[in-house]
C-alpha atoms as a PDB file:
ATOM      1  CA  MET A   1      -3.252   5.091 -33.664  1.00  0.00           C
ATOM      2  CA  SER A   2      -6.961   5.775 -33.689  1.00  0.00           C
ATOM      3  CA  THR A   3      -8.540   9.174 -33.941  1.00  0.00           C
ATOM      4  CA  SER A   4     -11.938  10.012 -32.665  1.00  0.00           C
ATOM      5  CA  ALA A   5     -13.871  12.954 -34.059  1.00  0.00           C
ATOM      6  CA  THR A   6     -15.830  15.067 -31.626  1.00  0.00           C
ATOM      7  CA  ALA A   7     -19.466  15.172 -32.654  1.00  0.00           C
ATOM      8  CA  LEU A   8     -20.715  18.573 -33.731  1.00  0.00           C
ATOM      9  CA  PRO A   9     -23.864  19.288 -31.710  1.00  0.00           C
ATOM     10  CA  ALA A  10     -27.053  20.271 -33.487  1.00  0.00           C
ATOM     11  CA  PRO A  11     -29.018  23.101 -31.893  1.00  0.00           C
ATOM     12  CA  PRO A  12     -32.711  22.530 -31.224  1.00  0.00           C
ATOM     13  CA  THR A  13     -34.859  22.971 -34.325  1.00  0.00           C
ATOM     14  CA  GLY A  14     -36.355  26.385 -34.903  1.00  0.00           C
ATOM     15  CA  ARG A  15     -35.705  29.891 -36.109  1.00  0.00           C
ATOM     16  CA  TYR A  16     -32.643  31.744 -34.786  1.00  0.00           C
ATOM     17  CA  LEU A  17     -31.929  35.451 -35.250  1.00  0.00           C
ATOM     18  CA  ILE A  18     -28.274  36.400 -35.666  1.00  0.00           C
ATOM     19  CA  ASP A  19     -27.160  39.103 -33.240  1.00  0.00           C
ATOM     20  CA  GLY A  20     -25.077  41.544 -35.257  1.00  0.00           C
ATOM     21  CA  SER A  21     -23.598  43.191 -32.171  1.00  0.00           C
ATOM     22  CA  THR A  22     -21.880  39.955 -31.085  1.00  0.00           C
ATOM     23  CA  SER A  23     -21.212  38.352 -34.482  1.00  0.00           C
ATOM     24  CA  THR A  24     -18.123  38.942 -36.620  1.00  0.00           C
ATOM     25  CA  VAL A  25     -16.634  38.122 -39.986  1.00  0.00           C
ATOM     26  CA  ALA A  26     -12.856  38.332 -39.694  1.00  0.00           C
ATOM     27  CA  PHE A  27     -10.593  37.901 -42.692  1.00  0.00           C
ATOM     28  CA  THR A  28      -6.950  37.453 -43.562  1.00  0.00           C
ATOM     29  CA  THR A  29      -5.436  38.119 -46.971  1.00  0.00           C
ATOM     30  CA  LYS A  30      -2.141  39.173 -48.540  1.00  0.00           C
ATOM     31  CA  HIS A  31      -1.007  42.393 -50.186  1.00  0.00           C
ATOM     32  CA  MET A  32       2.138  43.758 -51.845  1.00  0.00           C
ATOM     33  CA  PHE A  33       2.511  40.735 -54.137  1.00  0.00           C
ATOM     34  CA  GLY A  34       2.027  38.319 -51.249  1.00  0.00           C
ATOM     35  CA  LEU A  35       4.691  39.826 -49.008  1.00  0.00           C
ATOM     36  CA  GLY A  36       2.405  41.358 -46.403  1.00  0.00           C
ATOM     37  CA  LYS A  37      -0.501  40.013 -44.396  1.00  0.00           C
ATOM     38  CA  VAL A  38      -3.696  41.990 -43.962  1.00  0.00           C
ATOM     39  CA  ARG A  39      -6.219  41.264 -41.212  1.00  0.00           C
ATOM     40  CA  GLY A  40      -9.608  42.879 -40.976  1.00  0.00           C
ATOM     41  CA  SER A  41     -13.277  42.476 -40.291  1.00  0.00           C
ATOM     42  CA  PHE A  42     -16.817  43.177 -41.402  1.00  0.00           C
ATOM     43  CA  ALA A  43     -19.885  43.756 -39.233  1.00  0.00           C
ATOM     44  CA  VAL A  44     -22.843  41.403 -39.508  1.00  0.00           C
ATOM     45  CA  THR A  45     -26.030  43.468 -39.739  1.00  0.00           C
ATOM     46  CA  ARG A  46     -28.693  40.770 -39.599  1.00  0.00           C
ATOM     47  CA  GLY A  47     -29.386  37.138 -40.282  1.00  0.00           C
ATOM     48  CA  VAL A  48     -31.706  34.209 -39.803  1.00  0.00           C
ATOM     49  CA  ILE A  49     -30.755  30.575 -39.283  1.00  0.00           C
ATOM     50  CA  ILE A  50     -33.501  27.994 -39.626  1.00  0.00           C
ATOM     51  CA  VAL A  51     -32.536  24.661 -38.038  1.00  0.00           C
ATOM     52  CA  SER A  52     -34.691  21.871 -39.468  1.00  0.00           C
ATOM     53  CA  ASP A  53     -35.331  18.358 -38.173  1.00  0.00           C
ATOM     54  CA  GLN A  54     -33.166  17.176 -41.059  1.00  0.00           C
ATOM     55  CA  VAL A  55     -30.022  19.334 -40.675  1.00  0.00           C
ATOM     56  CA  ASP A  56     -29.449  19.164 -44.443  1.00  0.00           C
ATOM     57  CA  ASP A  57     -32.703  21.127 -44.905  1.00  0.00           C
ATOM     58  CA  SER A  58     -31.586  23.975 -42.625  1.00  0.00           C
ATOM     59  CA  THR A  59     -30.956  27.438 -44.056  1.00  0.00           C
ATOM     60  CA  VAL A  60     -28.847  30.510 -43.397  1.00  0.00           C
ATOM     61  CA  ASP A  61     -29.604  34.004 -44.670  1.00  0.00           C
ATOM     62  CA  ALA A  62     -27.155  36.679 -43.515  1.00  0.00           C
ATOM     63  CA  GLU A  63     -26.250  40.254 -44.367  1.00  0.00           C
ATOM     64  CA  ILE A  64     -22.985  42.106 -43.819  1.00  0.00           C
ATOM     65  CA  SER A  65     -22.392  45.848 -44.042  1.00  0.00           C
ATOM     66  CA  ALA A  66     -20.003  46.644 -46.911  1.00  0.00           C
ATOM     67  CA  SER A  67     -19.171  49.993 -45.303  1.00  0.00           C
ATOM     68  CA  SER A  68     -18.026  48.200 -42.135  1.00  0.00           C
ATOM     69  CA  PHE A  69     -14.888  46.894 -43.906  1.00  0.00           C
ATOM     70  CA  SER A  70     -12.009  47.630 -41.552  1.00  0.00           C
ATOM     71  CA  THR A  71      -8.320  46.808 -41.440  1.00  0.00           C
ATOM     72  CA  ARG A  72      -7.619  49.844 -39.233  1.00  0.00           C
ATOM     73  CA  ASN A  73      -5.637  51.391 -42.064  1.00  0.00           C
ATOM     74  CA  PHE A  74      -6.885  54.932 -42.797  1.00  0.00           C
ATOM     75  CA  ILE A  75      -5.571  54.806 -46.385  1.00  0.00           C
ATOM     76  CA  ARG A  76      -6.615  51.263 -47.357  1.00  0.00           C
ATOM     77  CA  ASP A  77     -10.090  51.138 -45.778  1.00  0.00           C
ATOM     78  CA  PRO A  78     -11.722  54.044 -47.692  1.00  0.00           C
ATOM     79  CA  GLN A  79     -10.173  52.749 -50.913  1.00  0.00           C
ATOM     80  CA  VAL A  80     -11.653  49.247 -50.410  1.00  0.00           C
ATOM     81  CA  ARG A  81     -15.068  50.727 -49.543  1.00  0.00           C
ATOM     82  CA  SER A  82     -14.903  52.908 -52.709  1.00  0.00           C
ATOM     83  CA  ALA A  83     -16.103  52.043 -56.219  1.00  0.00           C
ATOM     84  CA  LEU A  84     -12.679  50.515 -56.883  1.00  0.00           C
ATOM     85  CA  PHE A  85     -13.554  47.464 -54.760  1.00  0.00           C
ATOM     86  CA  LEU A  86     -16.815  47.183 -52.756  1.00  0.00           C
ATOM     87  CA  HIS A  87     -18.622  50.355 -53.863  1.00  0.00           C
ATOM     88  CA  ALA A  88     -20.276  50.427 -50.436  1.00  0.00           C
ATOM     89  CA  ARG A  89     -22.281  53.577 -51.159  1.00  0.00           C
ATOM     90  CA  ARG A  90     -24.104  51.990 -54.100  1.00  0.00           C
ATOM     91  CA  HIS A  91     -24.058  48.410 -52.737  1.00  0.00           C
ATOM     92  CA  PRO A  92     -24.299  48.695 -48.930  1.00  0.00           C
ATOM     93  CA  THR A  93     -25.124  45.031 -48.284  1.00  0.00           C
ATOM     94  CA  ILE A  94     -23.127  41.858 -48.802  1.00  0.00           C
ATOM     95  CA  SER A  95     -25.425  38.841 -48.551  1.00  0.00           C
ATOM     96  CA  PHE A  96     -25.035  35.110 -48.058  1.00  0.00           C
ATOM     97  CA  ARG A  97     -27.774  32.531 -48.649  1.00  0.00           C
ATOM     98  CA  THR A  98     -27.472  28.775 -48.357  1.00  0.00           C
ATOM     99  CA  SER A  99     -27.861  26.460 -51.311  1.00  0.00           C
ATOM    100  CA  GLY A 100     -27.155  23.264 -49.375  1.00  0.00           C
ATOM    101  CA  ILE A 101     -25.824  21.789 -46.148  1.00  0.00           C
ATOM    102  CA  GLN A 102     -23.907  18.567 -45.686  1.00  0.00           C
ATOM    103  CA  ARG A 103     -23.414  17.340 -42.128  1.00  0.00           C
ATOM    104  CA  ARG A 104     -20.550  15.139 -41.010  1.00  0.00           C
ATOM    105  CA  THR A 105     -19.768  13.970 -37.502  1.00  0.00           C
ATOM    106  CA  ASP A 106     -17.274  16.694 -36.619  1.00  0.00           C
ATOM    107  CA  SER A 107     -18.204  19.479 -39.049  1.00  0.00           C
ATOM    108  CA  CYS A 108     -20.827  20.738 -41.417  1.00  0.00           C
ATOM    109  CA  THR A 109     -20.312  22.186 -44.905  1.00  0.00           C
ATOM    110  CA  VAL A 110     -22.632  25.055 -45.711  1.00  0.00           C
ATOM    111  CA  SER A 111     -22.708  25.769 -49.431  1.00  0.00           C
ATOM    112  CA  GLY A 112     -24.179  29.060 -50.458  1.00  0.00           C
ATOM    113  CA  VAL A 113     -24.167  32.099 -52.659  1.00  0.00           C
ATOM    114  CA  LEU A 114     -22.307  35.244 -51.660  1.00  0.00           C
ATOM    115  CA  THR A 115     -23.450  38.455 -53.359  1.00  0.00           C
ATOM    116  CA  VAL A 116     -21.180  41.511 -53.467  1.00  0.00           C
ATOM    117  CA  LYS A 117     -21.858  44.572 -55.657  1.00  0.00           C
ATOM    118  CA  GLY A 118     -24.733  42.710 -57.329  1.00  0.00           C
ATOM    119  CA  LYS A 119     -22.467  39.853 -58.442  1.00  0.00           C
ATOM    120  CA  SER A 120     -22.976  36.374 -56.971  1.00  0.00           C
ATOM    121  CA  ALA A 121     -20.558  33.468 -56.614  1.00  0.00           C
ATOM    122  CA  PRO A 122     -20.633  30.124 -54.797  1.00  0.00           C
ATOM    123  CA  VAL A 123     -18.936  29.853 -51.407  1.00  0.00           C
ATOM    124  CA  GLU A 124     -18.401  26.919 -49.062  1.00  0.00           C
ATOM    125  CA  LEU A 125     -18.131  27.452 -45.328  1.00  0.00           C
ATOM    126  CA  THR A 126     -17.099  24.766 -42.872  1.00  0.00           C
ATOM    127  CA  VAL A 127     -18.876  24.962 -39.526  1.00  0.00           C
ATOM    128  CA  THR A 128     -16.389  23.622 -36.995  1.00  0.00           C
ATOM    129  CA  ASP A 129     -18.115  24.418 -33.715  1.00  0.00           C
ATOM    130  CA  ILE A 130     -21.582  25.092 -32.368  1.00  0.00           C
ATOM    131  CA  ASP A 131     -21.726  26.225 -28.745  1.00  0.00           C
ATOM    132  CA  ILE A 132     -25.267  25.933 -27.424  1.00  0.00           C
ATOM    133  CA  THR A 133     -26.217  27.800 -24.252  1.00  0.00           C
ATOM    134  CA  GLY A 134     -29.884  27.941 -23.350  1.00  0.00           C
ATOM    135  CA  ALA A 135     -31.807  29.683 -26.147  1.00  0.00           C
ATOM    136  CA  SER A 136     -28.681  30.830 -27.987  1.00  0.00           C
ATOM    137  CA  ALA A 137     -25.987  29.255 -30.105  1.00  0.00           C
ATOM    138  CA  VAL A 138     -22.635  30.461 -31.394  1.00  0.00           C
ATOM    139  CA  PHE A 139     -21.751  29.069 -34.819  1.00  0.00           C
ATOM    140  CA  THR A 140     -18.057  29.108 -35.765  1.00  0.00           C
ATOM    141  CA  ALA A 141     -17.137  28.647 -39.420  1.00  0.00           C
ATOM    142  CA  HIS A 142     -14.352  29.311 -41.876  1.00  0.00           C
ATOM    143  CA  GLY A 143     -13.939  29.421 -45.627  1.00  0.00           C
ATOM    144  CA  THR A 144     -12.226  31.073 -48.577  1.00  0.00           C
ATOM    145  CA  ILE A 145     -13.623  33.889 -50.703  1.00  0.00           C
ATOM    146  CA  ASP A 146     -12.427  34.398 -54.301  1.00  0.00           C
ATOM    147  CA  ARG A 147     -12.833  38.127 -54.955  1.00  0.00           C
ATOM    148  CA  TYR A 148     -12.269  37.648 -58.704  1.00  0.00           C
ATOM    149  CA  ALA A 149     -15.324  35.348 -58.867  1.00  0.00           C
ATOM    150  CA  LEU A 150     -17.291  38.271 -57.400  1.00  0.00           C
ATOM    151  CA  GLY A 151     -16.050  40.686 -60.066  1.00  0.00           C
ATOM    152  CA  ILE A 152     -13.653  42.503 -57.702  1.00  0.00           C
ATOM    153  CA  THR A 153     -10.538  42.368 -59.850  1.00  0.00           C
ATOM    154  CA  LYS A 154      -8.805  45.739 -59.389  1.00  0.00           C
ATOM    155  CA  MET A 155      -5.208  45.962 -58.194  1.00  0.00           C
ATOM    156  CA  ARG A 156      -4.200  42.408 -59.071  1.00  0.00           C
ATOM    157  CA  GLY A 157      -0.944  41.620 -57.340  1.00  0.00           C
ATOM    158  CA  MET A 158      -1.230  44.504 -54.897  1.00  0.00           C
ATOM    159  CA  ALA A 159      -4.268  42.868 -53.273  1.00  0.00           C
ATOM    160  CA  ALA A 160      -4.585  39.074 -53.113  1.00  0.00           C
ATOM    161  CA  ARG A 161      -7.282  37.172 -54.956  1.00  0.00           C
ATOM    162  CA  HIS A 162      -8.412  35.075 -51.958  1.00  0.00           C
ATOM    163  CA  LEU A 163      -9.553  36.017 -48.487  1.00  0.00           C
ATOM    164  CA  SER A 164      -9.607  33.489 -45.669  1.00  0.00           C
ATOM    165  CA  VAL A 165     -12.685  34.202 -43.526  1.00  0.00           C
ATOM    166  CA  ASP A 166     -13.483  33.214 -39.958  1.00  0.00           C
ATOM    167  CA  ILE A 167     -17.065  33.684 -38.847  1.00  0.00           C
ATOM    168  CA  SER A 168     -18.499  33.763 -35.356  1.00  0.00           C
ATOM    169  CA  ALA A 169     -22.271  34.156 -35.411  1.00  0.00           C
ATOM    170  CA  ARG A 170     -24.270  34.325 -32.187  1.00  0.00           C
ATOM    171  CA  ALA A 171     -27.938  33.592 -32.734  1.00  0.00           C
ATOM    172  CA  PHE A 172     -30.908  33.596 -30.391  1.00  0.00           C
ATOM    173  CA  LYS A 173     -33.919  31.340 -30.804  1.00  0.00           C
ATOM    174  CA  ALA A 174     -36.885  33.445 -31.914  1.00  0.00           C
END
């Protein structure tokens, strides 16, 4: 049996601005000692993707609003935005910046640094789809965030250590 990987298209080179109104960071994690599933999202506030001739030289610089954390739970959400977890009032921005990109035929690994509450940790995102339409592109990626590596260690057991993230970023060529 042979398998054939679908080639991941590369958008035209240039500078792309991420549209926060149509881009999302969705996450899934566990709570209650792994018994319950929590789904939520963050809002993307801004970002720039530079696509270079050599894809490995491309860059991503994105910002997410810490206060946009939402699981639609009126008890949990304010607690996560508080000083206990994200401290959104003092640290309103979560940022991601690339440190390297490795392209394969059917995907692309974007290594970078995620900064939350002034603490940075490495993160790898796998870009699995790029949908190019005219002067825009939608980048779809997923990865895992280790909140302990970012210094967010409160409520161990009650809130899981890892978050699975799914990103959809629409960007327009500038």
